[in-house]
């Protein structure tokens, strides 16, 4: 597979992307959609008040906040923040006023206490 490049993405280019539903209140644009044992990269757009339930990281997760403020059990992260969630870490995520993040997962997360 050739490399993938997304010029201007972090400077607002994400606004031109087409998003699809991901979780309640969260939309996704996949930049690279991996499988169950492959990395994925996406832009997530959270509506005000949206969140993701508590989960554990099976692989490294890297987040760059592009707009707004994302919060988790450890703090609040305004635009420009970079968050690294190492293997084995657990948290839930939310936003009061909405946010947009660039996110990379080495492996899919494991949701805790959520039934299918």
PDB file of N, CA and C in Angstrom:
ATOM      1  N   UNK A   1       0.848  -1.182   0.000  1.00  0.00           N
ATOM      2  CA  UNK A   1       0.000   0.000   0.000  1.00  0.00           C
ATOM      3  C   UNK A   1       0.889   1.238   0.000  1.00  0.00           C
ATOM      4  N   UNK A   2       0.597   2.208  -0.842  1.00  0.00           N
ATOM      5  CA  UNK A   2       1.383   3.451  -0.836  1.00  0.00           C
ATOM      6  C   UNK A   2       1.059   4.271   0.413  1.00  0.00           C
ATOM      7  N   UNK A   3       1.928   5.226   0.714  1.00  0.00           N
ATOM      8  CA  UNK A   3       1.638   6.095   1.852  1.00  0.00           C
ATOM      9  C   UNK A   3       0.417   6.955   1.533  1.00  0.00           C
ATOM     10  N   UNK A   4      -0.220   7.439   2.564  1.00  0.00           N
ATOM     11  CA  UNK A   4      -1.396   8.299   2.425  1.00  0.00           C
ATOM     12  C   UNK A   4      -1.045   9.665   2.987  1.00  0.00           C
ATOM     13  N   UNK A   5      -1.375  10.728   2.281  1.00  0.00           N
ATOM     14  CA  UNK A   5      -1.082  12.091   2.728  1.00  0.00           C
ATOM     15  C   UNK A   5      -2.366  12.910   2.689  1.00  0.00           C
ATOM     16  N   UNK A   6      -2.543  13.764   3.696  1.00  0.00           N
ATOM     17  CA  UNK A   6      -3.753  14.577   3.816  1.00  0.00           C
ATOM     18  C   UNK A   6      -3.345  16.024   4.067  1.00  0.00           C
ATOM     19  N   UNK A   7      -3.023  16.745   3.014  1.00  0.00           N
ATOM     20  CA  UNK A   7      -2.547  18.124   3.124  1.00  0.00           C
ATOM     21  C   UNK A   7      -3.623  19.013   3.737  1.00  0.00           C
ATOM     22  N   UNK A   8      -3.215  19.851   4.680  1.00  0.00           N
ATOM     23  CA  UNK A   8      -4.113  20.836   5.275  1.00  0.00           C
ATOM     24  C   UNK A   8      -5.121  20.292   6.264  1.00  0.00           C
ATOM     25  N   UNK A   9      -5.060  19.019   6.573  1.00  0.00           N
ATOM     26  CA  UNK A   9      -6.063  18.403   7.446  1.00  0.00           C
ATOM     27  C   UNK A   9      -6.145  19.091   8.805  1.00  0.00           C
ATOM     28  N   UNK A  10      -5.013  19.293   9.458  1.00  0.00           N
ATOM     29  CA  UNK A  10      -5.031  19.876  10.799  1.00  0.00           C
ATOM     30  C   UNK A  10      -5.257  21.382  10.785  1.00  0.00           C
ATOM     31  N   UNK A  11      -5.173  22.004   9.616  1.00  0.00           N
ATOM     32  CA  UNK A  11      -5.419  23.443   9.490  1.00  0.00           C
ATOM     33  C   UNK A  11      -6.850  23.742   9.060  1.00  0.00           C
ATOM     34  N   UNK A  12      -7.750  22.801   9.292  1.00  0.00           N
ATOM     35  CA  UNK A  12      -9.158  23.024   8.970  1.00  0.00           C
ATOM     36  C   UNK A  12      -9.662  22.241   7.780  1.00  0.00           C
ATOM     37  N   UNK A  13      -8.770  21.532   7.087  1.00  0.00           N
ATOM     38  CA  UNK A  13      -9.192  20.735   5.946  1.00  0.00           C
ATOM     39  C   UNK A  13     -10.186  19.649   6.304  1.00  0.00           C
ATOM     40  N   UNK A  14     -10.216  19.253   7.574  1.00  0.00           N
ATOM     41  CA  UNK A  14     -11.175  18.234   8.023  1.00  0.00           C
ATOM     42  C   UNK A  14     -12.622  18.691   7.820  1.00  0.00           C
ATOM     43  N   UNK A  15     -12.854  20.008   7.755  1.00  0.00           N
ATOM     44  CA  UNK A  15     -14.224  20.522   7.583  1.00  0.00           C
ATOM     45  C   UNK A  15     -14.841  20.096   6.245  1.00  0.00           C
ATOM     46  N   UNK A  16     -14.004  19.778   5.261  1.00  0.00           N
ATOM     47  CA  UNK A  16     -14.481  19.375   3.937  1.00  0.00           C
ATOM     48  C   UNK A  16     -14.715  17.867   3.820  1.00  0.00           C
ATOM     49  N   UNK A  17     -14.449  17.116   4.877  1.00  0.00           N
ATOM     50  CA  UNK A  17     -14.592  15.663   4.828  1.00  0.00           C
ATOM     51  C   UNK A  17     -16.051  15.239   4.978  1.00  0.00           C
ATOM     52  N   UNK A  18     -16.384  14.096   4.422  1.00  0.00           N
ATOM     53  CA  UNK A  18     -17.710  13.497   4.600  1.00  0.00           C
ATOM     54  C   UNK A  18     -17.658  12.583   5.826  1.00  0.00           C
ATOM     55  N   UNK A  19     -18.579  12.796   6.755  1.00  0.00           N
ATOM     56  CA  UNK A  19     -18.627  12.008   7.985  1.00  0.00           C
ATOM     57  C   UNK A  19     -19.800  11.041   7.942  1.00  0.00           C
ATOM     58  N   UNK A  20     -19.665   9.942   8.681  1.00  0.00           N
ATOM     59  CA  UNK A  20     -20.736   8.960   8.821  1.00  0.00           C
ATOM     60  C   UNK A  20     -20.933   8.665  10.307  1.00  0.00           C
ATOM     61  N   UNK A  21     -22.081   8.138  10.703  1.00  0.00           N
ATOM     62  CA  UNK A  21     -22.311   7.820  12.118  1.00  0.00           C
ATOM     63  C   UNK A  21     -21.279   6.811  12.633  1.00  0.00           C
ATOM     64  N   UNK A  22     -20.855   7.015  13.890  1.00  0.00           N
ATOM     65  CA  UNK A  22     -19.877   6.127  14.530  1.00  0.00           C
ATOM     66  C   UNK A  22     -20.438   5.588  15.838  1.00  0.00           C
ATOM     67  N   UNK A  23     -20.754   6.478  16.759  1.00  0.00           N
ATOM     68  CA  UNK A  23     -21.427   6.162  18.020  1.00  0.00           C
ATOM     69  C   UNK A  23     -22.443   7.271  18.237  1.00  0.00           C
ATOM     70  N   UNK A  24     -23.317   7.114  19.227  1.00  0.00           N
ATOM     71  CA  UNK A  24     -24.318   8.146  19.482  1.00  0.00           C
ATOM     72  C   UNK A  24     -23.629   9.495  19.716  1.00  0.00           C
ATOM     73  N   UNK A  25     -23.924  10.482  18.868  1.00  0.00           N
ATOM     74  CA  UNK A  25     -23.362  11.816  19.010  1.00  0.00           C
ATOM     75  C   UNK A  25     -21.959  11.984  18.459  1.00  0.00           C
ATOM     76  N   UNK A  26     -21.416  10.928  17.856  1.00  0.00           N
ATOM     77  CA  UNK A  26     -20.051  10.978  17.324  1.00  0.00           C
ATOM     78  C   UNK A  26     -20.079  10.503  15.869  1.00  0.00           C
ATOM     79  N   UNK A  27     -19.500  11.317  14.974  1.00  0.00           N
ATOM     80  CA  UNK A  27     -19.394  10.959  13.559  1.00  0.00           C
ATOM     81  C   UNK A  27     -17.926  10.703  13.227  1.00  0.00           C
ATOM     82  N   UNK A  28     -17.687   9.904  12.191  1.00  0.00           N
ATOM     83  CA  UNK A  28     -16.324   9.506  11.836  1.00  0.00           C
ATOM     84  C   UNK A  28     -16.070   9.713  10.347  1.00  0.00           C
ATOM     85  N   UNK A  29     -14.836  10.077  10.043  1.00  0.00           N
ATOM     86  CA  UNK A  29     -14.317  10.006   8.671  1.00  0.00           C
ATOM     87  C   UNK A  29     -13.054   9.159   8.758  1.00  0.00           C
ATOM     88  N   UNK A  30     -13.087   7.976   8.149  1.00  0.00           N
ATOM     89  CA  UNK A  30     -11.941   7.069   8.189  1.00  0.00           C
ATOM     90  C   UNK A  30     -10.863   7.535   7.214  1.00  0.00           C
ATOM     91  N   UNK A  31      -9.660   7.741   7.723  1.00  0.00           N
ATOM     92  CA  UNK A  31      -8.501   8.006   6.870  1.00  0.00           C
ATOM     93  C   UNK A  31      -7.819   6.689   6.515  1.00  0.00           C
ATOM     94  N   UNK A  32      -7.843   5.758   7.461  1.00  0.00           N
ATOM     95  CA  UNK A  32      -7.324   4.406   7.272  1.00  0.00           C
ATOM     96  C   UNK A  32      -8.123   3.498   8.198  1.00  0.00           C
ATOM     97  N   UNK A  33      -8.908   2.608   7.631  1.00  0.00           N
ATOM     98  CA  UNK A  33      -9.752   1.729   8.447  1.00  0.00           C
ATOM     99  C   UNK A  33      -9.139   0.341   8.478  1.00  0.00           C
ATOM    100  N   UNK A  34      -8.527   0.015   9.615  1.00  0.00           N
ATOM    101  CA  UNK A  34      -7.898  -1.285   9.785  1.00  0.00           C
ATOM    102  C   UNK A  34      -8.905  -2.326  10.239  1.00  0.00           C
ATOM    103  N   UNK A  35      -8.440  -3.537  10.351  1.00  0.00           N
ATOM    104  CA  UNK A  35      -9.277  -4.636  10.821  1.00  0.00           C
ATOM    105  C   UNK A  35      -9.080  -4.864  12.306  1.00  0.00           C
ATOM    106  N   UNK A  36      -9.480  -6.045  12.780  1.00  0.00           N
ATOM    107  CA  UNK A  36      -9.414  -6.336  14.215  1.00  0.00           C
ATOM    108  C   UNK A  36      -8.000  -6.385  14.789  1.00  0.00           C
ATOM    109  N   UNK A  37      -6.997  -6.558  13.950  1.00  0.00           N
ATOM    110  CA  UNK A  37      -5.611  -6.577  14.447  1.00  0.00           C
ATOM    111  C   UNK A  37      -4.730  -5.617  13.652  1.00  0.00           C
ATOM    112  N   UNK A  38      -5.350  -4.551  13.125  1.00  0.00           N
ATOM    113  CA  UNK A  38      -4.614  -3.567  12.327  1.00  0.00           C
ATOM    114  C   UNK A  38      -4.910  -2.160  12.840  1.00  0.00           C
ATOM    115  N   UNK A  39      -3.977  -1.233  12.654  1.00  0.00           N
ATOM    116  CA  UNK A  39      -4.216   0.140  13.095  1.00  0.00           C
ATOM    117  C   UNK A  39      -5.263   0.846  12.239  1.00  0.00           C
ATOM    118  N   UNK A  40      -5.878   1.851  12.841  1.00  0.00           N
ATOM    119  CA  UNK A  40      -6.850   2.705  12.152  1.00  0.00           C
ATOM    120  C   UNK A  40      -6.538   4.155  12.466  1.00  0.00           C
ATOM    121  N   UNK A  41      -6.901   5.041  11.535  1.00  0.00           N
ATOM    122  CA  UNK A  41      -6.750   6.483  11.722  1.00  0.00           C
ATOM    123  C   UNK A  41      -8.038   7.132  11.241  1.00  0.00           C
ATOM    124  N   UNK A  42      -8.551   8.083  12.021  1.00  0.00           N
ATOM    125  CA  UNK A  42      -9.825   8.708  11.666  1.00  0.00           C
ATOM    126  C   UNK A  42      -9.895  10.120  12.227  1.00  0.00           C
ATOM    127  N   UNK A  43     -10.847  10.870  11.715  1.00  0.00           N
ATOM    128  CA  UNK A  43     -11.243  12.139  12.315  1.00  0.00           C
ATOM    129  C   UNK A  43     -12.606  11.882  12.946  1.00  0.00           C
ATOM    130  N   UNK A  44     -12.727  12.202  14.239  1.00  0.00           N
ATOM    131  CA  UNK A  44     -13.992  12.053  14.956  1.00  0.00           C
ATOM    132  C   UNK A  44     -14.552  13.432  15.251  1.00  0.00           C
ATOM    133  N   UNK A  45     -15.839  13.607  14.994  1.00  0.00           N
ATOM    134  CA  UNK A  45     -16.533  14.866  15.278  1.00  0.00           C
ATOM    135  C   UNK A  45     -17.597  14.578  16.334  1.00  0.00           C
ATOM    136  N   UNK A  46     -17.396  15.129  17.536  1.00  0.00           N
ATOM    137  CA  UNK A  46     -18.298  14.944  18.667  1.00  0.00           C
ATOM    138  C   UNK A  46     -19.300  16.091  18.730  1.00  0.00           C
ATOM    139  N   UNK A  47     -20.571  15.766  18.871  1.00  0.00           N
ATOM    140  CA  UNK A  47     -21.600  16.773  19.111  1.00  0.00           C
ATOM    141  C   UNK A  47     -21.496  17.233  20.564  1.00  0.00           C
ATOM    142  N   UNK A  48     -22.004  18.420  20.903  1.00  0.00           N
ATOM    143  CA  UNK A  48     -21.997  18.850  22.300  1.00  0.00           C
ATOM    144  C   UNK A  48     -22.655  17.798  23.198  1.00  0.00           C
ATOM    145  N   UNK A  49     -21.991  17.493  24.305  1.00  0.00           N
ATOM    146  CA  UNK A  49     -22.502  16.533  25.272  1.00  0.00           C
ATOM    147  C   UNK A  49     -22.236  15.076  24.931  1.00  0.00           C
ATOM    148  N   UNK A  50     -21.629  14.797  23.789  1.00  0.00           N
ATOM    149  CA  UNK A  50     -21.377  13.408  23.376  1.00  0.00           C
ATOM    150  C   UNK A  50     -20.185  12.830  24.130  1.00  0.00           C
ATOM    151  N   UNK A  51     -20.119  11.514  24.143  1.00  0.00           N
ATOM    152  CA  UNK A  51     -19.005  10.848  24.795  1.00  0.00           C
ATOM    153  C   UNK A  51     -18.856   9.416  24.329  1.00  0.00           C
ATOM    154  N   UNK A  52     -17.817   8.783  24.818  1.00  0.00           N
ATOM    155  CA  UNK A  52     -17.541   7.376  24.544  1.00  0.00           C
ATOM    156  C   UNK A  52     -17.393   6.699  25.900  1.00  0.00           C
ATOM    157  N   UNK A  53     -18.101   5.576  26.120  1.00  0.00           N
ATOM    158  CA  UNK A  53     -18.048   4.925  27.429  1.00  0.00           C
ATOM    159  C   UNK A  53     -16.658   4.387  27.774  1.00  0.00           C
ATOM    160  N   UNK A  54     -16.521   4.029  29.034  1.00  0.00           N
ATOM    161  CA  UNK A  54     -15.242   3.536  29.547  1.00  0.00           C
ATOM    162  C   UNK A  54     -14.743   2.370  28.687  1.00  0.00           C
ATOM    163  N   UNK A  55     -13.447   2.441  28.354  1.00  0.00           N
ATOM    164  CA  UNK A  55     -12.830   1.418  27.527  1.00  0.00           C
ATOM    165  C   UNK A  55     -11.351   1.277  27.880  1.00  0.00           C
ATOM    166  N   UNK A  56     -10.796   0.136  27.487  1.00  0.00           N
ATOM    167  CA  UNK A  56      -9.380  -0.162  27.722  1.00  0.00           C
ATOM    168  C   UNK A  56      -8.669  -0.194  26.369  1.00  0.00           C
ATOM    169  N   UNK A  57      -7.428   0.253  26.388  1.00  0.00           N
ATOM    170  CA  UNK A  57      -6.633   0.295  25.165  1.00  0.00           C
ATOM    171  C   UNK A  57      -5.775  -0.958  25.024  1.00  0.00           C
ATOM    172  N   UNK A  58      -6.041  -1.717  23.954  1.00  0.00           N
ATOM    173  CA  UNK A  58      -5.258  -2.914  23.640  1.00  0.00           C
ATOM    174  C   UNK A  58      -3.974  -2.539  22.905  1.00  0.00           C
ATOM    175  N   UNK A  59      -3.941  -1.337  22.367  1.00  0.00           N
ATOM    176  CA  UNK A  59      -2.768  -0.794  21.685  1.00  0.00           C
ATOM    177  C   UNK A  59      -2.691   0.693  21.969  1.00  0.00           C
ATOM    178  N   UNK A  60      -1.624   1.324  21.558  1.00  0.00           N
ATOM    179  CA  UNK A  60      -1.462   2.766  21.753  1.00  0.00           C
ATOM    180  C   UNK A  60      -2.548   3.526  21.002  1.00  0.00           C
ATOM    181  N   UNK A  61      -3.108   4.533  21.651  1.00  0.00           N
ATOM    182  CA  UNK A  61      -4.037   5.466  21.006  1.00  0.00           C
ATOM    183  C   UNK A  61      -3.388   6.845  21.041  1.00  0.00           C
ATOM    184  N   UNK A  62      -3.382   7.526  19.909  1.00  0.00           N
ATOM    185  CA  UNK A  62      -2.835   8.875  19.805  1.00  0.00           C
ATOM    186  C   UNK A  62      -3.940   9.798  19.323  1.00  0.00           C
ATOM    187  N   UNK A  63      -4.144  10.906  20.038  1.00  0.00           N
ATOM    188  CA  UNK A  63      -5.207  11.863  19.713  1.00  0.00           C
ATOM    189  C   UNK A  63      -4.592  13.248  19.562  1.00  0.00           C
ATOM    190  N   UNK A  64      -5.019  13.968  18.529  1.00  0.00           N
ATOM    191  CA  UNK A  64      -4.700  15.387  18.362  1.00  0.00           C
ATOM    192  C   UNK A  64      -6.041  16.114  18.325  1.00  0.00           C
ATOM    193  N   UNK A  65      -6.254  17.025  19.267  1.00  0.00           N
ATOM    194  CA  UNK A  65      -7.505  17.783  19.304  1.00  0.00           C
ATOM    195  C   UNK A  65      -7.405  18.905  18.274  1.00  0.00           C
ATOM    196  N   UNK A  66      -8.312  18.878  17.297  1.00  0.00           N
ATOM    197  CA  UNK A  66      -8.295  19.858  16.208  1.00  0.00           C
ATOM    198  C   UNK A  66      -9.164  21.069  16.505  1.00  0.00           C
ATOM    199  N   UNK A  67     -10.252  20.854  17.241  1.00  0.00           N
ATOM    200  CA  UNK A  67     -11.179  21.954  17.547  1.00  0.00           C
ATOM    201  C   UNK A  67     -11.942  21.609  18.814  1.00  0.00           C
ATOM    202  N   UNK A  68     -12.231  22.608  19.628  1.00  0.00           N
ATOM    203  CA  UNK A  68     -12.999  22.391  20.846  1.00  0.00           C
ATOM    204  C   UNK A  68     -12.149  21.820  21.967  1.00  0.00           C
ATOM    205  N   UNK A  69     -12.825  21.218  22.940  1.00  0.00           N
ATOM    206  CA  UNK A  69     -12.157  20.630  24.106  1.00  0.00           C
ATOM    207  C   UNK A  69     -12.669  19.210  24.295  1.00  0.00           C
ATOM    208  N   UNK A  70     -11.747  18.251  24.326  1.00  0.00           N
ATOM    209  CA  UNK A  70     -12.091  16.871  24.664  1.00  0.00           C
ATOM    210  C   UNK A  70     -11.681  16.639  26.109  1.00  0.00           C
ATOM    211  N   UNK A  71     -12.509  15.911  26.844  1.00  0.00           N
ATOM    212  CA  UNK A  71     -12.223  15.618  28.245  1.00  0.00           C
ATOM    213  C   UNK A  71     -12.207  14.115  28.461  1.00  0.00           C
ATOM    214  N   UNK A  72     -11.426  13.695  29.468  1.00  0.00           N
ATOM    215  CA  UNK A  72     -11.483  12.313  29.924  1.00  0.00           C
ATOM    216  C   UNK A  72     -11.246  12.307  31.419  1.00  0.00           C
ATOM    217  N   UNK A  73     -11.089  11.120  31.989  1.00  0.00           N
ATOM    218  CA  UNK A  73     -10.939  10.987  33.437  1.00  0.00           C
ATOM    219  C   UNK A  73      -9.700  11.700  33.970  1.00  0.00           C
ATOM    220  N   UNK A  74      -8.777  12.066  33.094  1.00  0.00           N
ATOM    221  CA  UNK A  74      -7.524  12.691  33.519  1.00  0.00           C
ATOM    222  C   UNK A  74      -7.454  14.192  33.303  1.00  0.00           C
ATOM    223  N   UNK A  75      -8.421  14.767  32.565  1.00  0.00           N
ATOM    224  CA  UNK A  75      -8.362  16.210  32.359  1.00  0.00           C
ATOM    225  C   UNK A  75      -9.110  16.678  31.129  1.00  0.00           C
ATOM    226  N   UNK A  76      -8.904  17.959  30.821  1.00  0.00           N
ATOM    227  CA  UNK A  76      -9.527  18.621  29.676  1.00  0.00           C
ATOM    228  C   UNK A  76      -8.419  19.008  28.695  1.00  0.00           C
ATOM    229  N   UNK A  77      -8.673  18.769  27.401  1.00  0.00           N
ATOM    230  CA  UNK A  77      -7.646  18.958  26.389  1.00  0.00           C
ATOM    231  C   UNK A  77      -8.161  19.877  25.292  1.00  0.00           C
ATOM    232  N   UNK A  78      -7.705  21.134  25.257  1.00  0.00           N
ATOM    233  CA  UNK A  78      -8.155  22.076  24.226  1.00  0.00           C
ATOM    234  C   UNK A  78      -7.472  21.816  22.886  1.00  0.00           C
ATOM    235  N   UNK A  79      -7.967  22.486  21.854  1.00  0.00           N
ATOM    236  CA  UNK A  79      -7.394  22.371  20.510  1.00  0.00           C
ATOM    237  C   UNK A  79      -5.880  22.544  20.572  1.00  0.00           C
ATOM    238  N   UNK A  80      -5.178  21.699  19.840  1.00  0.00           N
ATOM    239  CA  UNK A  80      -3.721  21.710  19.835  1.00  0.00           C
ATOM    240  C   UNK A  80      -3.107  20.685  20.770  1.00  0.00           C
ATOM    241  N   UNK A  81      -3.921  20.093  21.644  1.00  0.00           N
ATOM    242  CA  UNK A  81      -3.408  19.086  22.580  1.00  0.00           C
ATOM    243  C   UNK A  81      -3.144  17.769  21.870  1.00  0.00           C
ATOM    244  N   UNK A  82      -2.126  17.062  22.347  1.00  0.00           N
ATOM    245  CA  UNK A  82      -1.823  15.705  21.898  1.00  0.00           C
ATOM    246  C   UNK A  82      -1.940  14.803  23.118  1.00  0.00           C
ATOM    247  N   UNK A  83      -2.736  13.747  23.006  1.00  0.00           N
ATOM    248  CA  UNK A  83      -2.964  12.817  24.113  1.00  0.00           C
ATOM    249  C   UNK A  83      -2.491  11.443  23.679  1.00  0.00           C
ATOM    250  N   UNK A  84      -1.692  10.797  24.516  1.00  0.00           N
ATOM    251  CA  UNK A  84      -1.235   9.433  24.269  1.00  0.00           C
ATOM    252  C   UNK A  84      -1.828   8.536  25.344  1.00  0.00           C
ATOM    253  N   UNK A  85      -2.595   7.547  24.934  1.00  0.00           N
ATOM    254  CA  UNK A  85      -3.173   6.573  25.856  1.00  0.00           C
ATOM    255  C   UNK A  85      -2.480   5.236  25.612  1.00  0.00           C
ATOM    256  N   UNK A  86      -1.578   4.832  26.534  1.00  0.00           N
ATOM    257  CA  UNK A  86      -0.783   3.629  26.315  1.00  0.00           C
ATOM    258  C   UNK A  86      -1.591   2.338  26.471  1.00  0.00           C
ATOM    259  N   UNK A  87      -0.995   1.255  26.041  1.00  0.00           N
ATOM    260  CA  UNK A  87      -1.593  -0.072  26.172  1.00  0.00           C
ATOM    261  C   UNK A  87      -1.982  -0.309  27.631  1.00  0.00           C
ATOM    262  N   UNK A  88      -3.197  -0.789  27.846  1.00  0.00           N
ATOM    263  CA  UNK A  88      -3.675  -1.103  29.189  1.00  0.00           C
ATOM    264  C   UNK A  88      -4.366   0.043  29.893  1.00  0.00           C
ATOM    265  N   UNK A  89      -4.246   1.270  29.378  1.00  0.00           N
ATOM    266  CA  UNK A  89      -4.910   2.403  30.032  1.00  0.00           C
ATOM    267  C   UNK A  89      -6.415   2.327  29.796  1.00  0.00           C
ATOM    268  N   UNK A  90      -7.176   2.892  30.750  1.00  0.00           N
ATOM    269  CA  UNK A  90      -8.636   2.903  30.677  1.00  0.00           C
ATOM    270  C   UNK A  90      -9.138   4.315  30.918  1.00  0.00           C
ATOM    271  N   UNK A  91     -10.213   4.678  30.225  1.00  0.00           N
ATOM    272  CA  UNK A  91     -10.856   5.964  30.461  1.00  0.00           C
ATOM    273  C   UNK A  91     -12.180   6.008  29.721  1.00  0.00           C
ATOM    274  N   UNK A  92     -12.975   7.014  30.052  1.00  0.00           N
ATOM    275  CA  UNK A  92     -14.133   7.376  29.241  1.00  0.00           C
ATOM    276  C   UNK A  92     -13.851   8.779  28.717  1.00  0.00           C
ATOM    277  N   UNK A  93     -14.516   9.144  27.632  1.00  0.00           N
ATOM    278  CA  UNK A  93     -14.240  10.404  26.934  1.00  0.00           C
ATOM    279  C   UNK A  93     -15.546  11.158  26.755  1.00  0.00           C
ATOM    280  N   UNK A  94     -15.496  12.499  26.861  1.00  0.00           N
ATOM    281  CA  UNK A  94     -16.685  13.315  26.639  1.00  0.00           C
ATOM    282  C   UNK A  94     -16.269  14.716  26.219  1.00  0.00           C
ATOM    283  N   UNK A  95     -17.250  15.470  25.781  1.00  0.00           N
ATOM    284  CA  UNK A  95     -17.039  16.875  25.451  1.00  0.00           C
ATOM    285  C   UNK A  95     -18.275  17.653  25.859  1.00  0.00           C
ATOM    286  N   UNK A  96     -18.073  18.777  26.471  1.00  0.00           N
ATOM    287  CA  UNK A  96     -19.205  19.609  26.882  1.00  0.00           C
ATOM    288  C   UNK A  96     -19.799  20.343  25.681  1.00  0.00           C
ATOM    289  N   UNK A  97     -18.949  20.974  24.897  1.00  0.00           N
ATOM    290  CA  UNK A  97     -19.412  21.854  23.816  1.00  0.00           C
ATOM    291  C   UNK A  97     -19.157  21.315  22.414  1.00  0.00           C
ATOM    292  N   UNK A  98     -18.679  20.078  22.302  1.00  0.00           N
ATOM    293  CA  UNK A  98     -18.350  19.505  21.004  1.00  0.00           C
ATOM    294  C   UNK A  98     -16.865  19.655  20.716  1.00  0.00           C
ATOM    295  N   UNK A  99     -16.328  18.743  19.925  1.00  0.00           N
ATOM    296  CA  UNK A  99     -14.917  18.816  19.545  1.00  0.00           C
ATOM    297  C   UNK A  99     -14.678  17.954  18.312  1.00  0.00           C
ATOM    298  N   UNK A 100     -13.515  18.156  17.718  1.00  0.00           N
ATOM    299  CA  UNK A 100     -13.067  17.355  16.582  1.00  0.00           C
ATOM    300  C   UNK A 100     -11.656  16.893  16.900  1.00  0.00           C
ATOM    301  N   UNK A 101     -11.398  15.590  16.704  1.00  0.00           N
ATOM    302  CA  UNK A 101     -10.076  15.042  16.989  1.00  0.00           C
ATOM    303  C   UNK A 101      -9.591  14.183  15.828  1.00  0.00           C
ATOM    304  N   UNK A 102      -8.291  14.184  15.646  1.00  0.00           N
ATOM    305  CA  UNK A 102      -7.612  13.229  14.778  1.00  0.00           C
ATOM    306  C   UNK A 102      -7.149  12.117  15.704  1.00  0.00           C
ATOM    307  N   UNK A 103      -7.501  10.872  15.389  1.00  0.00           N
ATOM    308  CA  UNK A 103      -7.222   9.774  16.307  1.00  0.00           C
ATOM    309  C   UNK A 103      -6.603   8.605  15.569  1.00  0.00           C
ATOM    310  N   UNK A 104      -5.651   7.955  16.225  1.00  0.00           N
ATOM    311  CA  UNK A 104      -4.995   6.770  15.680  1.00  0.00           C
ATOM    312  C   UNK A 104      -5.035   5.690  16.748  1.00  0.00           C
ATOM    313  N   UNK A 105      -5.501   4.497  16.360  1.00  0.00           N
ATOM    314  CA  UNK A 105      -5.506   3.341  17.255  1.00  0.00           C
ATOM    315  C   UNK A 105      -4.589   2.277  16.669  1.00  0.00           C
ATOM    316  N   UNK A 106      -3.674   1.732  17.489  1.00  0.00           N
ATOM    317  CA  UNK A 106      -2.896   0.573  17.040  1.00  0.00           C
ATOM    318  C   UNK A 106      -3.804  -0.639  16.884  1.00  0.00           C
ATOM    319  N   UNK A 107      -4.746  -0.782  17.828  1.00  0.00           N
ATOM    320  CA  UNK A 107      -5.716  -1.881  17.851  1.00  0.00           C
ATOM    321  C   UNK A 107      -7.050  -1.326  18.329  1.00  0.00           C
ATOM    322  N   UNK A 108      -8.156  -1.970  17.982  1.00  0.00           N
ATOM    323  CA  UNK A 108      -9.453  -1.503  18.487  1.00  0.00           C
ATOM    324  C   UNK A 108      -9.488  -1.525  20.020  1.00  0.00           C
ATOM    325  N   UNK A 109     -10.285  -0.625  20.599  1.00  0.00           N
ATOM    326  CA  UNK A 109     -10.427  -0.575  22.054  1.00  0.00           C
ATOM    327  C   UNK A 109     -11.387  -1.659  22.521  1.00  0.00           C
ATOM    328  N   UNK A 110     -11.329  -1.954  23.827  1.00  0.00           N
ATOM    329  CA  UNK A 110     -12.210  -2.939  24.457  1.00  0.00           C
ATOM    330  C   UNK A 110     -13.158  -2.171  25.365  1.00  0.00           C
ATOM    331  N   UNK A 111     -14.449  -2.160  25.034  1.00  0.00           N
ATOM    332  CA  UNK A 111     -15.423  -1.452  25.857  1.00  0.00           C
ATOM    333  C   UNK A 111     -15.713  -2.253  27.111  1.00  0.00           C
ATOM    334  N   UNK A 112     -15.783  -1.562  28.246  1.00  0.00           N
ATOM    335  CA  UNK A 112     -15.959  -2.201  29.546  1.00  0.00           C
ATOM    336  C   UNK A 112     -17.394  -2.024  30.020  1.00  0.00           C
ATOM    337  N   UNK A 113     -18.056  -3.108  30.319  1.00  0.00           N
ATOM    338  CA  UNK A 113     -19.410  -3.041  30.854  1.00  0.00           C
ATOM    339  C   UNK A 113     -20.468  -2.694  29.837  1.00  0.00           C
ATOM    340  N   UNK A 114     -20.129  -2.702  28.568  1.00  0.00           N
ATOM    341  CA  UNK A 114     -21.110  -2.379  27.529  1.00  0.00           C
ATOM    342  C   UNK A 114     -21.611  -3.675  26.912  1.00  0.00           C
ATOM    343  N   UNK A 115     -22.915  -3.785  26.792  1.00  0.00           N
ATOM    344  CA  UNK A 115     -23.489  -4.965  26.150  1.00  0.00           C
ATOM    345  C   UNK A 115     -23.798  -4.652  24.701  1.00  0.00           C
ATOM    346  N   UNK A 116     -23.770  -5.675  23.870  1.00  0.00           N
ATOM    347  CA  UNK A 116     -24.031  -5.472  22.439  1.00  0.00           C
ATOM    348  C   UNK A 116     -25.496  -5.563  22.138  1.00  0.00           C
TER     349      UNK A 116
END
